[in-house]
Amino acid sequence: MKVCIGLGNPGRKYENTRHNAGFMVMDRLADLCKVSFDQEKFSAYFAKTKIQNEDVILLKPTTFMNNSGFALRQCMDFYKISTHDVLVIYDDVDLPVGKIRLRQKGSAGGHNGIKSIIQCIFTNEFDRIRVGVGKNPQIDMIHWVLGQFQDDEKEPLKEAVEQSAQAAYYSLTHSFMDTMNQYNKK
């Protein structure tokens, strides 16, 4: 069994904000898996499917970004899921809009959602897809990540969301190392 969790904040107020890039990818991944987030379970919007005889859970936490780890921990405990079967998808201000980066481990890098994940699952060794949302040194970080994308960023964002969802879907039937080789473009 595998679990893919996209990080973001629930509610209309946060739709299409930079911090919700993970939710955007999860919505597209749900389309690719032909499921919808029609349940709430484990403090998250929840969907379950099968890909090549493997159970796959998709999660969008309702805990708000800073407590994302609680939703993942609940799901992992219930289904006895190993950290090796976890994929976390989230926004990254250190990547320009439109870029994605796949990694198998790393620090939180100042991202509170990832800090929560690391604290709740007791490791920083989990697969991840980082979706670039850029940064602006003239705008404080909180306002930046809770802000909307500019018009000229919408097309690169759409491409990054698509690439990230395709990479996540590919990772469900391939090793993450193979997935990184496919999708980590320079």
N, C-alpha and C. Protein backbone atom coordinates (compact mmCIF):
# COMPACT_ATOMS: atom_id res chain seq x y z
N MET A 1 0.84 -1.19 0.00
CA MET A 1 0.00 0.00 0.00
C MET A 1 0.88 1.24 0.00
N LYS A 2 0.45 2.23 -0.78
CA LYS A 2 1.19 3.50 -0.87
C LYS A 2 0.26 4.64 -0.50
N VAL A 3 0.85 5.72 -0.01
CA VAL A 3 0.08 6.92 0.29
C VAL A 3 0.77 8.13 -0.34
N CYS A 4 -0.02 8.93 -1.04
CA CYS A 4 0.44 10.20 -1.60
C CYS A 4 -0.31 11.29 -0.85
N ILE A 5 0.44 12.23 -0.30
CA ILE A 5 -0.16 13.33 0.45
C ILE A 5 0.32 14.64 -0.16
N GLY A 6 -0.63 15.49 -0.48
CA GLY A 6 -0.31 16.83 -0.99
C GLY A 6 -0.59 17.83 0.11
N LEU A 7 0.32 18.76 0.31
CA LEU A 7 0.17 19.72 1.39
C LEU A 7 -0.50 20.99 0.92
N GLY A 8 -1.31 21.55 1.81
CA GLY A 8 -2.01 22.79 1.52
C GLY A 8 -2.89 23.17 2.69
N ASN A 9 -3.72 24.17 2.48
CA ASN A 9 -4.66 24.62 3.49
C ASN A 9 -6.07 24.45 2.96
N PRO A 10 -6.99 23.91 3.77
CA PRO A 10 -8.36 23.70 3.30
C PRO A 10 -9.14 25.03 3.26
N GLY A 11 -10.18 25.04 2.45
CA GLY A 11 -11.08 26.19 2.42
C GLY A 11 -10.88 27.08 1.21
N ARG A 12 -11.97 27.73 0.84
CA ARG A 12 -11.97 28.59 -0.36
C ARG A 12 -10.97 29.74 -0.25
N LYS A 13 -10.77 30.23 0.97
CA LYS A 13 -9.85 31.35 1.19
C LYS A 13 -8.45 31.05 0.66
N TYR A 14 -8.06 29.77 0.69
CA TYR A 14 -6.70 29.39 0.33
C TYR A 14 -6.58 28.77 -1.06
N GLU A 15 -7.70 28.60 -1.76
CA GLU A 15 -7.65 28.01 -3.10
C GLU A 15 -6.73 28.83 -3.99
N ASN A 16 -5.94 28.13 -4.77
CA ASN A 16 -5.05 28.75 -5.77
C ASN A 16 -3.97 29.64 -5.17
N THR A 17 -3.66 29.46 -3.88
CA THR A 17 -2.53 30.18 -3.31
C THR A 17 -1.26 29.35 -3.52
N ARG A 18 -0.14 29.99 -3.37
CA ARG A 18 1.15 29.31 -3.57
C ARG A 18 1.31 28.12 -2.63
N HIS A 19 0.86 28.29 -1.39
CA HIS A 19 1.00 27.21 -0.40
C HIS A 19 0.12 26.01 -0.75
N ASN A 20 -0.80 26.15 -1.66
CA ASN A 20 -1.69 25.05 -2.02
C ASN A 20 -1.28 24.33 -3.30
N ALA A 21 -0.05 24.51 -3.72
CA ALA A 21 0.43 23.80 -4.91
C ALA A 21 0.31 22.30 -4.73
N GLY A 22 0.56 21.80 -3.53
CA GLY A 22 0.43 20.37 -3.25
C GLY A 22 -1.00 19.88 -3.46
N PHE A 23 -1.98 20.67 -3.02
CA PHE A 23 -3.39 20.32 -3.23
C PHE A 23 -3.72 20.32 -4.73
N MET A 24 -3.17 21.28 -5.47
CA MET A 24 -3.43 21.34 -6.92
C MET A 24 -2.94 20.07 -7.60
N VAL A 25 -1.75 19.62 -7.21
CA VAL A 25 -1.20 18.38 -7.79
C VAL A 25 -2.07 17.20 -7.40
N MET A 26 -2.52 17.15 -6.15
CA MET A 26 -3.35 16.03 -5.71
C MET A 26 -4.67 15.97 -6.48
N ASP A 27 -5.25 17.12 -6.78
CA ASP A 27 -6.49 17.14 -7.57
C ASP A 27 -6.25 16.56 -8.96
N ARG A 28 -5.12 16.92 -9.56
CA ARG A 28 -4.79 16.38 -10.88
C ARG A 28 -4.46 14.89 -10.80
N LEU A 29 -3.75 14.48 -9.74
CA LEU A 29 -3.43 13.06 -9.55
C LEU A 29 -4.72 12.25 -9.36
N ALA A 30 -5.66 12.80 -8.63
CA ALA A 30 -6.95 12.11 -8.46
C ALA A 30 -7.63 11.91 -9.81
N ASP A 31 -7.55 12.92 -10.69
CA ASP A 31 -8.10 12.77 -12.05
C ASP A 31 -7.41 11.61 -12.78
N LEU A 32 -6.08 11.56 -12.70
CA LEU A 32 -5.33 10.50 -13.37
C LEU A 32 -5.70 9.12 -12.82
N CYS A 33 -5.99 9.06 -11.52
CA CYS A 33 -6.35 7.80 -10.87
C CYS A 33 -7.85 7.49 -10.98
N LYS A 34 -8.59 8.44 -11.57
CA LYS A 34 -10.05 8.29 -11.76
C LYS A 34 -10.79 8.11 -10.42
N VAL A 35 -10.41 8.96 -9.45
CA VAL A 35 -11.08 8.98 -8.15
C VAL A 35 -11.36 10.43 -7.78
N SER A 36 -12.15 10.62 -6.73
CA SER A 36 -12.41 11.97 -6.24
C SER A 36 -12.28 11.98 -4.72
N PHE A 37 -12.03 13.14 -4.20
CA PHE A 37 -11.92 13.31 -2.75
C PHE A 37 -13.32 13.51 -2.18
N ASP A 38 -14.07 12.41 -2.08
CA ASP A 38 -15.45 12.50 -1.62
C ASP A 38 -15.64 12.01 -0.18
N GLN A 39 -14.53 11.75 0.51
CA GLN A 39 -14.60 11.32 1.90
C GLN A 39 -13.65 12.16 2.74
N GLU A 40 -13.94 12.25 4.04
CA GLU A 40 -12.99 12.80 4.99
C GLU A 40 -12.63 11.68 5.95
N LYS A 41 -11.34 11.45 6.10
CA LYS A 41 -10.83 10.39 6.95
C LYS A 41 -9.41 10.77 7.34
N PHE A 42 -9.00 10.47 8.55
CA PHE A 42 -7.65 10.78 9.02
C PHE A 42 -7.35 12.29 8.97
N SER A 43 -8.32 13.10 9.31
CA SER A 43 -8.14 14.56 9.28
C SER A 43 -7.70 15.03 7.90
N ALA A 44 -8.30 14.44 6.88
CA ALA A 44 -7.90 14.76 5.50
C ALA A 44 -9.05 14.45 4.54
N TYR A 45 -9.02 15.11 3.39
CA TYR A 45 -9.84 14.66 2.28
C TYR A 45 -9.15 13.40 1.78
N PHE A 46 -9.91 12.37 1.52
CA PHE A 46 -9.38 11.02 1.35
C PHE A 46 -9.94 10.39 0.08
N ALA A 47 -9.09 9.69 -0.65
CA ALA A 47 -9.51 8.88 -1.79
C ALA A 47 -8.65 7.62 -1.80
N LYS A 48 -9.24 6.53 -2.22
CA LYS A 48 -8.50 5.26 -2.28
C LYS A 48 -8.77 4.61 -3.62
N THR A 49 -7.72 4.02 -4.19
CA THR A 49 -7.84 3.36 -5.48
C THR A 49 -6.85 2.20 -5.53
N LYS A 50 -6.84 1.53 -6.66
CA LYS A 50 -5.87 0.46 -6.92
C LYS A 50 -5.17 0.77 -8.23
N ILE A 51 -3.86 0.66 -8.22
CA ILE A 51 -3.06 0.83 -9.44
C ILE A 51 -2.22 -0.44 -9.56
N GLN A 52 -2.43 -1.19 -10.62
CA GLN A 52 -1.73 -2.47 -10.84
C GLN A 52 -1.70 -3.33 -9.56
N ASN A 53 -2.89 -3.56 -9.02
CA ASN A 53 -3.08 -4.40 -7.83
C ASN A 53 -2.46 -3.85 -6.54
N GLU A 54 -2.04 -2.60 -6.54
CA GLU A 54 -1.50 -1.98 -5.32
C GLU A 54 -2.51 -0.95 -4.82
N ASP A 55 -2.87 -1.05 -3.54
CA ASP A 55 -3.75 -0.05 -2.95
C ASP A 55 -3.01 1.27 -2.84
N VAL A 56 -3.68 2.35 -3.21
CA VAL A 56 -3.11 3.69 -3.18
C VAL A 56 -4.08 4.62 -2.48
N ILE A 57 -3.58 5.35 -1.51
CA ILE A 57 -4.37 6.34 -0.79
C ILE A 57 -3.89 7.72 -1.17
N LEU A 58 -4.82 8.62 -1.44
CA LEU A 58 -4.52 10.01 -1.72
C LEU A 58 -5.08 10.84 -0.57
N LEU A 59 -4.27 11.76 -0.05
CA LEU A 59 -4.68 12.59 1.08
C LEU A 59 -4.42 14.07 0.81
N LYS A 60 -5.37 14.90 1.25
CA LYS A 60 -5.21 16.35 1.32
C LYS A 60 -5.62 16.73 2.74
N PRO A 61 -4.65 16.99 3.63
CA PRO A 61 -4.98 17.24 5.04
C PRO A 61 -5.90 18.44 5.25
N THR A 62 -6.81 18.29 6.21
CA THR A 62 -7.69 19.39 6.61
C THR A 62 -7.16 20.05 7.88
N THR A 63 -5.96 19.69 8.29
CA THR A 63 -5.35 20.16 9.53
C THR A 63 -4.67 21.52 9.37
N PHE A 64 -4.66 22.07 8.19
CA PHE A 64 -3.88 23.24 7.83
C PHE A 64 -2.41 22.84 7.75
N MET A 65 -1.68 23.61 6.99
CA MET A 65 -0.30 23.28 6.62
C MET A 65 0.57 22.88 7.81
N ASN A 66 0.57 23.68 8.86
CA ASN A 66 1.52 23.48 9.95
C ASN A 66 1.30 22.19 10.74
N ASN A 67 0.18 21.51 10.53
CA ASN A 67 -0.10 20.24 11.22
C ASN A 67 -0.33 19.10 10.25
N SER A 68 0.22 19.19 9.07
CA SER A 68 0.02 18.17 8.03
C SER A 68 0.45 16.78 8.47
N GLY A 69 1.46 16.70 9.29
CA GLY A 69 1.97 15.41 9.73
C GLY A 69 0.97 14.58 10.50
N PHE A 70 0.05 15.23 11.21
CA PHE A 70 -0.94 14.49 11.99
C PHE A 70 -1.82 13.63 11.09
N ALA A 71 -2.25 14.19 9.98
CA ALA A 71 -3.09 13.43 9.05
C ALA A 71 -2.33 12.23 8.49
N LEU A 72 -1.09 12.46 8.08
CA LEU A 72 -0.28 11.37 7.53
C LEU A 72 -0.04 10.29 8.58
N ARG A 73 0.29 10.69 9.79
CA ARG A 73 0.55 9.72 10.86
C ARG A 73 -0.67 8.85 11.13
N GLN A 74 -1.86 9.46 11.18
CA GLN A 74 -3.09 8.69 11.41
C GLN A 74 -3.28 7.63 10.33
N CYS A 75 -3.09 8.02 9.08
CA CYS A 75 -3.26 7.11 7.95
C CYS A 75 -2.22 5.99 7.99
N MET A 76 -0.97 6.35 8.23
CA MET A 76 0.10 5.36 8.28
C MET A 76 -0.13 4.34 9.41
N ASP A 77 -0.57 4.82 10.56
CA ASP A 77 -0.83 3.92 11.69
C ASP A 77 -1.99 2.97 11.39
N PHE A 78 -3.06 3.51 10.81
CA PHE A 78 -4.24 2.70 10.54
C PHE A 78 -3.93 1.58 9.55
N TYR A 79 -3.23 1.92 8.47
CA TYR A 79 -2.94 0.95 7.41
C TYR A 79 -1.58 0.27 7.55
N LYS A 80 -0.82 0.62 8.58
CA LYS A 80 0.53 0.05 8.80
C LYS A 80 1.44 0.31 7.58
N ILE A 81 1.46 1.55 7.15
CA ILE A 81 2.23 1.96 5.97
C ILE A 81 3.65 2.37 6.39
N SER A 82 4.63 1.87 5.69
CA SER A 82 6.03 2.22 5.92
C SER A 82 6.35 3.59 5.34
N THR A 83 7.34 4.26 5.92
CA THR A 83 7.76 5.55 5.37
C THR A 83 8.31 5.40 3.95
N HIS A 84 8.71 4.19 3.58
CA HIS A 84 9.22 3.93 2.22
C HIS A 84 8.10 3.95 1.18
N ASP A 85 6.86 3.94 1.66
CA ASP A 85 5.70 3.95 0.75
C ASP A 85 4.93 5.26 0.82
N VAL A 86 5.62 6.32 1.24
CA VAL A 86 5.01 7.65 1.38
C VAL A 86 5.59 8.58 0.32
N LEU A 87 4.72 9.34 -0.32
CA LEU A 87 5.13 10.40 -1.24
C LEU A 87 4.46 11.69 -0.79
N VAL A 88 5.26 12.72 -0.54
CA VAL A 88 4.76 14.02 -0.10
C VAL A 88 4.97 15.03 -1.22
N ILE A 89 3.92 15.80 -1.53
CA ILE A 89 3.97 16.78 -2.62
C ILE A 89 3.67 18.14 -2.01
N TYR A 90 4.55 19.11 -2.25
CA TYR A 90 4.39 20.41 -1.60
C TYR A 90 5.07 21.53 -2.37
N ASP A 91 4.73 22.76 -2.00
CA ASP A 91 5.28 23.97 -2.62
C ASP A 91 6.70 24.23 -2.12
N ASP A 92 7.51 24.85 -2.96
CA ASP A 92 8.88 25.19 -2.58
C ASP A 92 9.22 26.57 -3.11
N VAL A 93 9.50 27.50 -2.20
CA VAL A 93 9.83 28.87 -2.60
C VAL A 93 11.24 28.99 -3.18
N ASP A 94 12.06 27.97 -2.96
CA ASP A 94 13.43 28.01 -3.49
C ASP A 94 13.54 27.54 -4.94
N LEU A 95 12.42 27.13 -5.50
CA LEU A 95 12.38 26.78 -6.93
C LEU A 95 11.52 27.80 -7.66
N PRO A 96 11.92 28.21 -8.84
CA PRO A 96 11.08 29.14 -9.60
C PRO A 96 9.76 28.49 -10.01
N VAL A 97 8.76 29.31 -10.21
CA VAL A 97 7.46 28.81 -10.66
C VAL A 97 7.66 28.03 -11.95
N GLY A 98 7.08 26.86 -12.01
CA GLY A 98 7.18 26.02 -13.20
C GLY A 98 8.20 24.90 -13.08
N LYS A 99 9.09 24.97 -12.10
CA LYS A 99 10.10 23.92 -11.90
C LYS A 99 9.61 22.94 -10.85
N ILE A 100 9.99 21.68 -11.02
CA ILE A 100 9.73 20.68 -9.99
C ILE A 100 11.04 19.97 -9.67
N ARG A 101 11.11 19.40 -8.48
CA ARG A 101 12.30 18.66 -8.09
C ARG A 101 11.86 17.49 -7.22
N LEU A 102 12.37 16.31 -7.56
CA LEU A 102 12.06 15.10 -6.82
C LEU A 102 13.27 14.71 -5.99
N ARG A 103 13.03 14.31 -4.74
CA ARG A 103 14.09 13.89 -3.83
C ARG A 103 13.57 12.74 -2.96
N GLN A 104 14.51 11.98 -2.39
CA GLN A 104 14.14 10.88 -1.52
C GLN A 104 14.30 11.20 -0.04
N LYS A 105 14.96 12.28 0.26
CA LYS A 105 15.11 12.70 1.66
C LYS A 105 15.59 14.14 1.68
N GLY A 106 15.59 14.72 2.87
CA GLY A 106 16.08 16.08 3.01
C GLY A 106 15.49 16.76 4.22
N SER A 107 15.96 17.95 4.47
CA SER A 107 15.47 18.71 5.62
C SER A 107 14.14 19.37 5.27
N ALA A 108 13.56 20.03 6.26
CA ALA A 108 12.32 20.76 6.03
C ALA A 108 12.57 22.04 5.24
N GLY A 109 13.79 22.55 5.28
CA GLY A 109 14.11 23.76 4.53
C GLY A 109 13.24 24.95 4.89
N GLY A 110 12.79 25.01 6.14
CA GLY A 110 11.95 26.12 6.57
C GLY A 110 10.47 25.94 6.27
N HIS A 111 10.09 24.83 5.65
CA HIS A 111 8.68 24.58 5.29
C HIS A 111 7.97 23.93 6.49
N ASN A 112 7.00 24.65 7.05
CA ASN A 112 6.33 24.17 8.26
C ASN A 112 5.54 22.88 8.06
N GLY A 113 4.99 22.67 6.88
CA GLY A 113 4.29 21.42 6.61
C GLY A 113 5.24 20.23 6.64
N ILE A 114 6.43 20.41 6.07
CA ILE A 114 7.42 19.34 6.06
C ILE A 114 7.99 19.14 7.47
N LYS A 115 8.15 20.22 8.23
CA LYS A 115 8.57 20.08 9.63
C LYS A 115 7.59 19.19 10.38
N SER A 116 6.31 19.42 10.17
CA SER A 116 5.27 18.62 10.83
C SER A 116 5.34 17.16 10.41
N ILE A 117 5.54 16.92 9.12
CA ILE A 117 5.66 15.54 8.62
C ILE A 117 6.84 14.85 9.30
N ILE A 118 8.00 15.50 9.29
CA ILE A 118 9.21 14.91 9.88
C ILE A 118 8.99 14.61 11.36
N GLN A 119 8.36 15.54 12.08
CA GLN A 119 8.12 15.33 13.51
C GLN A 119 7.16 14.17 13.75
N CYS A 120 6.18 14.00 12.90
CA CYS A 120 5.15 12.98 13.11
C CYS A 120 5.53 11.59 12.61
N ILE A 121 6.39 11.51 11.60
CA ILE A 121 6.77 10.17 11.12
C ILE A 121 8.21 9.82 11.51
N PHE A 122 8.87 10.73 12.23
CA PHE A 122 10.17 10.48 12.86
C PHE A 122 11.30 10.22 11.88
N THR A 123 11.21 10.76 10.70
CA THR A 123 12.30 10.64 9.73
C THR A 123 12.15 11.72 8.66
N ASN A 124 13.28 12.04 8.04
CA ASN A 124 13.24 12.94 6.88
C ASN A 124 13.50 12.16 5.60
N GLU A 125 13.47 10.84 5.72
CA GLU A 125 13.71 9.97 4.56
C GLU A 125 12.38 9.48 4.01
N PHE A 126 11.80 10.29 3.16
CA PHE A 126 10.58 9.93 2.44
C PHE A 126 10.63 10.61 1.09
N ASP A 127 9.98 10.00 0.11
CA ASP A 127 9.96 10.53 -1.25
C ASP A 127 9.16 11.82 -1.27
N ARG A 128 9.60 12.75 -2.11
CA ARG A 128 8.92 14.04 -2.17
C ARG A 128 9.02 14.65 -3.56
N ILE A 129 7.98 15.38 -3.89
CA ILE A 129 7.96 16.19 -5.11
C ILE A 129 7.76 17.63 -4.67
N ARG A 130 8.73 18.47 -4.99
CA ARG A 130 8.67 19.88 -4.64
C ARG A 130 8.23 20.66 -5.88
N VAL A 131 7.22 21.49 -5.71
CA VAL A 131 6.66 22.28 -6.81
C VAL A 131 7.07 23.74 -6.59
N GLY A 132 7.82 24.28 -7.54
CA GLY A 132 8.32 25.65 -7.41
C GLY A 132 7.21 26.68 -7.42
N VAL A 133 7.27 27.59 -6.44
CA VAL A 133 6.32 28.70 -6.37
C VAL A 133 7.05 30.04 -6.34
N GLY A 134 8.39 29.99 -6.43
CA GLY A 134 9.20 31.20 -6.46
C GLY A 134 9.13 31.98 -5.16
N LYS A 135 9.84 33.11 -5.13
CA LYS A 135 9.77 34.00 -3.98
C LYS A 135 10.06 35.42 -4.43
N ASN A 136 9.66 36.34 -3.58
CA ASN A 136 9.86 37.76 -3.85
C ASN A 136 10.42 38.37 -2.57
N PRO A 137 11.68 38.81 -2.58
CA PRO A 137 12.29 39.35 -1.36
C PRO A 137 11.61 40.61 -0.84
N GLN A 138 10.78 41.23 -1.66
CA GLN A 138 10.09 42.45 -1.23
C GLN A 138 8.77 42.15 -0.50
N ILE A 139 8.38 40.88 -0.48
CA ILE A 139 7.13 40.49 0.18
C ILE A 139 7.48 39.48 1.27
N ASP A 140 6.96 39.70 2.50
CA ASP A 140 7.30 38.76 3.57
C ASP A 140 6.73 37.38 3.23
N MET A 141 7.39 36.35 3.76
CA MET A 141 7.13 34.97 3.35
C MET A 141 5.68 34.55 3.57
N ILE A 142 5.10 34.90 4.69
CA ILE A 142 3.71 34.48 4.97
C ILE A 142 2.77 35.04 3.92
N HIS A 143 2.88 36.33 3.62
CA HIS A 143 2.01 36.92 2.60
C HIS A 143 2.29 36.32 1.22
N TRP A 144 3.55 36.01 0.97
CA TRP A 144 3.91 35.43 -0.32
C TRP A 144 3.25 34.07 -0.53
N VAL A 145 3.45 33.14 0.42
CA VAL A 145 2.93 31.78 0.22
C VAL A 145 1.41 31.72 0.31
N LEU A 146 0.79 32.68 1.01
CA LEU A 146 -0.67 32.71 1.08
C LEU A 146 -1.28 33.60 0.00
N GLY A 147 -0.42 34.09 -0.89
CA GLY A 147 -0.88 34.93 -1.99
C GLY A 147 -1.16 34.12 -3.25
N GLN A 148 -1.87 34.77 -4.16
CA GLN A 148 -2.24 34.16 -5.44
C GLN A 148 -1.07 34.26 -6.43
N PHE A 149 -1.11 33.42 -7.43
CA PHE A 149 -0.12 33.48 -8.51
C PHE A 149 -0.45 34.65 -9.43
N GLN A 150 0.60 35.26 -9.98
CA GLN A 150 0.44 36.34 -10.95
C GLN A 150 -0.01 35.74 -12.29
N ASP A 151 -0.61 36.55 -13.14
CA ASP A 151 -1.10 36.06 -14.43
C ASP A 151 0.00 35.39 -15.25
N ASP A 152 1.21 35.98 -15.25
CA ASP A 152 2.29 35.42 -16.07
C ASP A 152 2.87 34.13 -15.46
N GLU A 153 2.45 33.77 -14.26
CA GLU A 153 2.92 32.54 -13.62
C GLU A 153 1.95 31.38 -13.81
N LYS A 154 0.75 31.66 -14.26
CA LYS A 154 -0.29 30.63 -14.30
C LYS A 154 0.01 29.49 -15.28
N GLU A 155 0.56 29.81 -16.44
CA GLU A 155 0.89 28.76 -17.40
C GLU A 155 2.05 27.89 -16.92
N PRO A 156 3.17 28.48 -16.44
CA PRO A 156 4.23 27.63 -15.89
C PRO A 156 3.75 26.80 -14.69
N LEU A 157 2.88 27.36 -13.86
CA LEU A 157 2.33 26.61 -12.73
C LEU A 157 1.52 25.42 -13.23
N LYS A 158 0.68 25.65 -14.22
CA LYS A 158 -0.15 24.58 -14.77
C LYS A 158 0.73 23.44 -15.29
N GLU A 159 1.82 23.79 -15.97
CA GLU A 159 2.75 22.78 -16.48
C GLU A 159 3.43 22.03 -15.33
N ALA A 160 3.81 22.73 -14.28
CA ALA A 160 4.46 22.10 -13.12
C ALA A 160 3.49 21.16 -12.40
N VAL A 161 2.25 21.58 -12.27
CA VAL A 161 1.23 20.74 -11.63
C VAL A 161 1.04 19.46 -12.45
N GLU A 162 0.96 19.60 -13.76
CA GLU A 162 0.79 18.44 -14.63
C GLU A 162 1.99 17.50 -14.53
N GLN A 163 3.21 18.06 -14.62
CA GLN A 163 4.43 17.25 -14.52
C GLN A 163 4.50 16.53 -13.17
N SER A 164 4.16 17.24 -12.11
CA SER A 164 4.20 16.65 -10.77
C SER A 164 3.19 15.52 -10.63
N ALA A 165 1.99 15.72 -11.14
CA ALA A 165 0.96 14.68 -11.07
C ALA A 165 1.38 13.46 -11.89
N GLN A 166 1.95 13.71 -13.08
CA GLN A 166 2.43 12.60 -13.92
C GLN A 166 3.56 11.85 -13.20
N ALA A 167 4.46 12.58 -12.56
CA ALA A 167 5.56 11.95 -11.83
C ALA A 167 5.03 11.12 -10.66
N ALA A 168 4.06 11.66 -9.93
CA ALA A 168 3.47 10.93 -8.80
C ALA A 168 2.81 9.66 -9.30
N TYR A 169 2.06 9.77 -10.38
CA TYR A 169 1.38 8.60 -10.94
C TYR A 169 2.39 7.55 -11.40
N TYR A 170 3.43 8.00 -12.07
CA TYR A 170 4.50 7.11 -12.55
C TYR A 170 5.15 6.39 -11.37
N SER A 171 5.34 7.11 -10.26
CA SER A 171 6.01 6.53 -9.08
C SER A 171 5.20 5.41 -8.44
N LEU A 172 3.92 5.34 -8.74
CA LEU A 172 3.07 4.29 -8.15
C LEU A 172 3.38 2.92 -8.75
N THR A 173 4.00 2.90 -9.93
CA THR A 173 4.29 1.62 -10.58
C THR A 173 5.78 1.45 -10.91
N HIS A 174 6.60 2.40 -10.47
CA HIS A 174 8.04 2.35 -10.72
C HIS A 174 8.78 2.75 -9.44
N SER A 175 10.04 2.43 -9.38
CA SER A 175 10.82 2.87 -8.22
C SER A 175 10.93 4.39 -8.23
N PHE A 176 11.14 4.96 -7.06
CA PHE A 176 11.25 6.42 -7.02
C PHE A 176 12.55 6.87 -7.67
N MET A 177 13.57 6.04 -7.62
CA MET A 177 14.83 6.37 -8.31
C MET A 177 14.58 6.49 -9.81
N ASP A 178 13.83 5.56 -10.37
CA ASP A 178 13.47 5.61 -11.78
C ASP A 178 12.62 6.85 -12.06
N THR A 179 11.71 7.16 -11.15
CA THR A 179 10.85 8.33 -11.31
C THR A 179 11.70 9.60 -11.32
N MET A 180 12.66 9.69 -10.42
CA MET A 180 13.54 10.86 -10.40
C MET A 180 14.31 10.99 -11.71
N ASN A 181 14.80 9.87 -12.21
CA ASN A 181 15.54 9.89 -13.48
C ASN A 181 14.66 10.38 -14.63
N GLN A 182 13.38 10.04 -14.58
CA GLN A 182 12.43 10.45 -15.64
C GLN A 182 12.06 11.93 -15.54
N TYR A 183 11.85 12.43 -14.30
CA TYR A 183 11.20 13.73 -14.13
C TYR A 183 12.08 14.84 -13.58
N ASN A 184 13.26 14.55 -13.09
CA ASN A 184 14.16 15.63 -12.65
C ASN A 184 14.89 16.18 -13.85
N LYS A 185 14.30 17.16 -14.48
CA LYS A 185 14.90 17.79 -15.66
C LYS A 185 15.68 19.01 -15.23
N LYS A 186 16.75 19.28 -15.90
CA LYS A 186 17.59 20.45 -15.55
C LYS A 186 17.02 21.69 -16.19
